[in-house]
Structures are given as structure tokens and as C-alpha cells.
C-alpha atoms as a PDB file:
ATOM      1  CA  MET A   1      66.207 269.839  52.864  1.00  0.00           C
ATOM      2  CA  GLU A   2      68.801 269.561  55.666  1.00  0.00           C
ATOM      3  CA  LYS A   3      67.418 272.673  57.349  1.00  0.00           C
ATOM      4  CA  ASP A   4      63.872 271.304  57.248  1.00  0.00           C
ATOM      5  CA  ILE A   5      64.928 267.921  58.631  1.00  0.00           C
ATOM      6  CA  LEU A   6      66.883 269.555  61.453  1.00  0.00           C
ATOM      7  CA  GLU A   7      63.895 271.701  62.430  1.00  0.00           C
ATOM      8  CA  ILE A   8      61.656 268.641  62.562  1.00  0.00           C
ATOM      9  CA  LEU A   9      64.148 266.550  64.567  1.00  0.00           C
ATOM     10  CA  GLU A  10      64.788 269.413  67.019  1.00  0.00           C
ATOM     11  CA  LYS A  11      61.097 269.414  67.896  1.00  0.00           C
ATOM     12  CA  ASP A  12      60.817 265.610  68.122  1.00  0.00           C
ATOM     13  CA  SER A  13      63.881 263.396  67.765  1.00  0.00           C
ATOM     14  CA  ARG A  14      61.691 260.269  67.892  1.00  0.00           C
ATOM     15  CA  ILE A  15      60.084 260.973  64.539  1.00  0.00           C
ATOM     16  CA  SER A  16      61.017 258.447  61.847  1.00  0.00           C
ATOM     17  CA  ALA A  17      62.624 259.179  58.493  1.00  0.00           C
ATOM     18  CA  GLU A  18      59.447 257.874  56.869  1.00  0.00           C
ATOM     19  CA  GLU A  19      57.302 260.402  58.747  1.00  0.00           C
ATOM     20  CA  ILE A  20      59.721 263.207  57.866  1.00  0.00           C
ATOM     21  CA  ALA A  21      59.588 262.142  54.224  1.00  0.00           C
ATOM     22  CA  VAL A  22      55.786 262.403  54.233  1.00  0.00           C
ATOM     23  CA  MET A  23      55.955 265.837  55.885  1.00  0.00           C
ATOM     24  CA  LEU A  24      58.443 267.091  53.289  1.00  0.00           C
ATOM     25  CA  GLY A  25      56.991 265.268  50.297  1.00  0.00           C
ATOM     26  CA  LYS A  26      60.307 263.510  49.628  1.00  0.00           C
ATOM     27  CA  PRO A  27      61.235 259.822  49.239  1.00  0.00           C
ATOM     28  CA  SER A  28      62.104 258.203  52.589  1.00  0.00           C
ATOM     29  CA  GLU A  29      65.399 256.877  51.158  1.00  0.00           C
ATOM     30  CA  GLU A  30      66.449 260.452  50.347  1.00  0.00           C
ATOM     31  CA  VAL A  31      65.540 261.638  53.854  1.00  0.00           C
ATOM     32  CA  SER A  32      67.353 258.681  55.470  1.00  0.00           C
ATOM     33  CA  ALA A  33      70.450 259.376  53.361  1.00  0.00           C
ATOM     34  CA  CYS A  34      70.355 263.065  54.308  1.00  0.00           C
ATOM     35  CA  ILE A  35      70.072 262.233  58.021  1.00  0.00           C
ATOM     36  CA  LYS A  36      72.963 259.745  57.756  1.00  0.00           C
ATOM     37  CA  LYS A  37      75.079 262.357  55.949  1.00  0.00           C
ATOM     38  CA  MET A  38      74.381 264.942  58.682  1.00  0.00           C
ATOM     39  CA  GLU A  39      75.307 262.388  61.360  1.00  0.00           C
ATOM     40  CA  ASP A  40      78.557 261.533  59.543  1.00  0.00           C
ATOM     41  CA  GLU A  41      79.455 265.220  59.133  1.00  0.00           C
ATOM     42  CA  GLY A  42      78.788 265.982  62.811  1.00  0.00           C
ATOM     43  CA  ILE A  43      75.830 268.242  62.068  1.00  0.00           C
ATOM     44  CA  ILE A  44      73.604 265.887  64.055  1.00  0.00           C
ATOM     45  CA  CYS A  45      75.663 265.102  67.156  1.00  0.00           C
ATOM     46  CA  GLY A  46      73.188 262.873  68.987  1.00  0.00           C
ATOM     47  CA  TYR A  47      69.610 262.261  70.013  1.00  0.00           C
ATOM     48  CA  THR A  48      68.286 262.805  73.509  1.00  0.00           C
ATOM     49  CA  ILE A  49      65.204 263.328  75.613  1.00  0.00           C
ATOM     50  CA  LEU A  50      64.297 266.280  77.804  1.00  0.00           C
ATOM     51  CA  PRO A  51      63.052 264.940  81.142  1.00  0.00           C
ATOM     52  CA  ASN A  52      61.179 267.067  83.652  1.00  0.00           C
ATOM     53  CA  ARG A  53      63.172 265.958  86.680  1.00  0.00           C
ATOM     54  CA  ASP A  54      60.779 267.779  89.024  1.00  0.00           C
ATOM     55  CA  LYS A  55      58.228 265.090  88.192  1.00  0.00           C
ATOM     56  CA  THR A  56      60.561 262.189  88.985  1.00  0.00           C
ATOM     57  CA  GLU A  57      61.600 260.779  92.331  1.00  0.00           C
ATOM     58  CA  LYS A  58      65.292 261.256  91.577  1.00  0.00           C
ATOM     59  CA  GLU A  59      66.690 264.120  93.607  1.00  0.00           C
ATOM     60  CA  TYR A  60      69.017 266.413  91.748  1.00  0.00           C
ATOM     61  CA  VAL A  61      70.331 269.950  91.670  1.00  0.00           C
ATOM     62  CA  ALA A  62      71.172 271.783  88.454  1.00  0.00           C
ATOM     63  CA  ALA A  63      73.777 274.518  88.406  1.00  0.00           C
ATOM     64  CA  MET A  64      75.076 277.078  85.964  1.00  0.00           C
ATOM     65  CA  ILE A  65      78.677 278.004  86.663  1.00  0.00           C
ATOM     66  CA  GLU A  66      80.272 281.122  85.241  1.00  0.00           C
ATOM     67  CA  VAL A  67      83.972 280.497  84.722  1.00  0.00           C
ATOM     68  CA  LYS A  68      86.673 283.094  84.066  1.00  0.00           C
ATOM     69  CA  VAL A  69      89.921 281.790  82.633  1.00  0.00           C
ATOM     70  CA  THR A  70      93.252 282.938  81.284  1.00  0.00           C
ATOM     71  CA  PRO A  71      93.454 281.773  77.655  1.00  0.00           C
ATOM     72  CA  GLN A  72      96.466 279.622  76.808  1.00  0.00           C
ATOM     73  CA  ARG A  73      99.041 281.001  74.402  1.00  0.00           C
ATOM     74  CA  ASP A  74      98.887 278.369  71.639  1.00  0.00           C
ATOM     75  CA  SER A  75      95.345 277.043  71.978  1.00  0.00           C
ATOM     76  CA  GLY A  76      93.322 279.955  73.360  1.00  0.00           C
ATOM     77  CA  TYR A  77      90.107 278.669  74.929  1.00  0.00           C
ATOM     78  CA  GLU A  78      89.985 275.307  73.140  1.00  0.00           C
ATOM     79  CA  ALA A  79      92.290 273.326  75.452  1.00  0.00           C
ATOM     80  CA  ILE A  80      90.582 274.731  78.555  1.00  0.00           C
ATOM     81  CA  ALA A  81      87.119 273.905  77.217  1.00  0.00           C
ATOM     82  CA  LYS A  82      88.272 270.361  76.438  1.00  0.00           C
ATOM     83  CA  ARG A  83      89.574 269.856  79.983  1.00  0.00           C
ATOM     84  CA  ILE A  84      86.270 271.082  81.412  1.00  0.00           C
ATOM     85  CA  TYR A  85      83.927 269.101  79.149  1.00  0.00           C
ATOM     86  CA  LYS A  86      85.811 265.855  79.792  1.00  0.00           C
ATOM     87  CA  PHE A  87      84.524 265.793  83.379  1.00  0.00           C
ATOM     88  CA  ASP A  88      81.605 263.344  83.621  1.00  0.00           C
ATOM     89  CA  GLU A  89      79.678 265.743  85.865  1.00  0.00           C
ATOM     90  CA  VAL A  90      79.564 268.444  83.177  1.00  0.00           C
ATOM     91  CA  LYS A  91      76.482 268.437  80.910  1.00  0.00           C
ATOM     92  CA  SER A  92      77.367 271.438  78.711  1.00  0.00           C
ATOM     93  CA  VAL A  93      80.130 273.986  78.193  1.00  0.00           C
ATOM     94  CA  TYR A  94      79.664 277.224  76.250  1.00  0.00           C
ATOM     95  CA  LEU A  95      82.211 279.884  75.325  1.00  0.00           C
ATOM     96  CA  MET A  96      80.570 283.197  76.193  1.00  0.00           C
ATOM     97  CA  SER A  97      80.991 286.871  75.444  1.00  0.00           C
ATOM     98  CA  GLY A  98      80.777 289.316  78.309  1.00  0.00           C
ATOM     99  CA  ALA A  99      81.929 289.237  81.905  1.00  0.00           C
ATOM    100  CA  TYR A 100      83.009 285.574  81.984  1.00  0.00           C
ATOM    101  CA  ASP A 101      84.467 283.135  79.489  1.00  0.00           C
ATOM    102  CA  PHE A 102      82.557 279.851  79.920  1.00  0.00           C
ATOM    103  CA  MET A 103      79.129 278.808  81.097  1.00  0.00           C
ATOM    104  CA  VAL A 104      79.261 275.294  82.526  1.00  0.00           C
ATOM    105  CA  LEU A 105      75.996 273.424  83.102  1.00  0.00           C
ATOM    106  CA  MET A 106      75.958 270.473  85.450  1.00  0.00           C
ATOM    107  CA  GLU A 107      73.696 268.367  87.605  1.00  0.00           C
ATOM    108  CA  GLY A 108      74.444 266.678  90.889  1.00  0.00           C
ATOM    109  CA  LYS A 109      72.671 264.810  93.651  1.00  0.00           C
ATOM    110  CA  ASN A 110      72.841 267.826  95.944  1.00  0.00           C
ATOM    111  CA  ILE A 111      74.527 271.188  96.498  1.00  0.00           C
ATOM    112  CA  LYS A 112      77.370 269.533  98.366  1.00  0.00           C
ATOM    113  CA  GLU A 113      78.245 267.356  95.365  1.00  0.00           C
ATOM    114  CA  ILE A 114      78.299 270.359  93.036  1.00  0.00           C
ATOM    115  CA  SER A 115      80.337 272.395  95.515  1.00  0.00           C
ATOM    116  CA  HIS A 116      82.846 269.563  95.803  1.00  0.00           C
ATOM    117  CA  PHE A 117      83.199 269.381  92.017  1.00  0.00           C
ATOM    118  CA  ILE A 118      83.800 273.131  91.777  1.00  0.00           C
ATOM    119  CA  SER A 119      86.265 273.323  94.652  1.00  0.00           C
ATOM    120  CA  SER A 120      88.233 270.150  93.925  1.00  0.00           C
ATOM    121  CA  LYS A 121      88.127 269.827  90.134  1.00  0.00           C
ATOM    122  CA  LEU A 122      86.997 272.946  88.290  1.00  0.00           C
ATOM    123  CA  SER A 123      88.574 275.788  90.254  1.00  0.00           C
ATOM    124  CA  THR A 124      91.875 273.907  90.575  1.00  0.00           C
ATOM    125  CA  LEU A 125      92.462 273.913  86.816  1.00  0.00           C
ATOM    126  CA  GLU A 126      95.526 276.007  86.052  1.00  0.00           C
ATOM    127  CA  SER A 127      93.786 278.515  83.737  1.00  0.00           C
ATOM    128  CA  VAL A 128      90.664 279.080  85.887  1.00  0.00           C
ATOM    129  CA  THR A 129      90.797 282.433  87.665  1.00  0.00           C
ATOM    130  CA  SER A 130      87.291 282.511  89.193  1.00  0.00           C
ATOM    131  CA  THR A 131      83.869 280.884  89.248  1.00  0.00           C
ATOM    132  CA  ALA A 132      80.363 282.003  90.164  1.00  0.00           C
ATOM    133  CA  THR A 133      77.707 279.357  90.706  1.00  0.00           C
ATOM    134  CA  HIS A 134      73.976 279.781  90.164  1.00  0.00           C
ATOM    135  CA  PHE A 135      71.615 277.014  91.240  1.00  0.00           C
ATOM    136  CA  VAL A 136      68.521 276.409  89.126  1.00  0.00           C
ATOM    137  CA  LEU A 137      65.441 276.675  91.315  1.00  0.00           C
ATOM    138  CA  LYS A 138      62.872 275.746  88.682  1.00  0.00           C
ATOM    139  CA  LYS A 139      62.790 275.213  84.931  1.00  0.00           C
ATOM    140  CA  TYR A 140      59.820 276.783  83.169  1.00  0.00           C
ATOM    141  CA  LYS A 141      60.982 276.254  79.607  1.00  0.00           C
ATOM    142  CA  ASP A 142      63.969 274.260  78.386  1.00  0.00           C
ATOM    143  CA  TYR A 143      65.133 273.880  74.775  1.00  0.00           C
ATOM    144  CA  GLY A 144      61.838 275.312  73.538  1.00  0.00           C
ATOM    145  CA  ILE A 145      59.729 272.920  75.618  1.00  0.00           C
ATOM    146  CA  ILE A 146      57.386 274.288  78.301  1.00  0.00           C
ATOM    147  CA  MET A 147      57.988 272.086  81.325  1.00  0.00           C
ATOM    148  CA  GLU A 148      54.589 272.564  83.015  1.00  0.00           C
ATOM    149  CA  LYS A 149      52.057 272.296  80.228  1.00  0.00           C
ATOM    150  CA  ASN A 150      48.673 273.856  81.017  1.00  0.00           C
ATOM    151  CA  GLU A 151      49.660 274.355  84.640  1.00  0.00           C
ATOM    152  CA  TYR A 152      48.322 277.883  84.636  1.00  0.00           C
ATOM    153  CA  ALA A 153      45.061 278.568  82.881  1.00  0.00           C
ATOM    154  CA  ASP A 154      44.778 281.874  81.083  1.00  0.00           C
ATOM    155  CA  GLU A 155      42.453 283.815  83.348  1.00  0.00           C
ATOM    156  CA  ARG A 156      42.436 287.033  81.349  1.00  0.00           C
ATOM    157  CA  MET A 157      39.051 288.365  80.339  1.00  0.00           C
ATOM    158  CA  VAL A 158      38.278 287.871  76.655  1.00  0.00           C
ATOM    159  CA  VAL A 159      37.914 291.188  74.890  1.00  0.00           C
ATOM    160  CA  SER A 160      36.429 291.285  71.421  1.00  0.00           C
ATOM    161  CA  PRO A 161      35.455 294.189  69.151  1.00  0.00           C
END
């Protein structure tokens, strides 16, 4: 049941336990208890919305920063990740395989603000050996959600047998 509840909440975190119970054919008390258990165990870490910032008046710039580091002897990548994710500017930190070690996602008011964060805070960390910054120009799909619904009509010719 946990898997089913998680799938439902990932698609719409506003849905109530009662609605989930109806969808799953389970008592709402059982669903509520399962959700509470997953929250207590850290399986459900929080609830959020996914705004389309391009449709708001707030100016922002999103960046993805590749970070190469030298792992620390006793704690490997964990201590470095903790130092990075504690910065308020950082939205997400992922340990990666491949050419770099971490992917850091952040948003700022402008490119200058992001550049200042990288040059004064991120790149000055003792274990950081290099960074490469990529600015997001446009989001088409984020966390499974298409950001511009029905913006482009399907203009392909219908072919039927």
C-alpha cells in the first residue's frame, strides 16, 4: 500500500487521505496511519508545489552546477554534501556518477547572484576542485509535469488504416 500511496502523492500532494482511501479501496484511517508512518520514517520528506516561474512576475535564474571534489578520508562525500546543502541558496544536491561528483541545483535573482555564490561560497570549500555552471534557459517538463500544457497543438496529419 505504501508504494501506491507514494505514487498518488507524487502526482498530487494536495490529495487527501480520504480521497486516497477511496482510490485504493482502503479505510481512510489505515491510509492516514500509513502516511504518518512514512513521514516518521523519512520516506515522505515533505510536500511542495511546482511553480512555473516563467508565468510569474518574480525574476529568477536557475542553475545546475557540476562540482568536482576530493572525497574526505573518514566521511567520503557525506561531509562535503552536508556543507553544500546547508547553504540557503541551494535547492538540491545529488551525488553523481561520471565526470563530476555532485550536481547542485540553485535559483537566484540573477546571474550575478549565482556567480557570487559560486565564487565566494561553493568554490572556496576546501574539498571542491572545480565547478561548471549551466544556466537553465527554459523548463519544458519538471518532475513529470509538462510546464506549458497544450502550448503546441499536434499538427500532424491523422493517418488511419
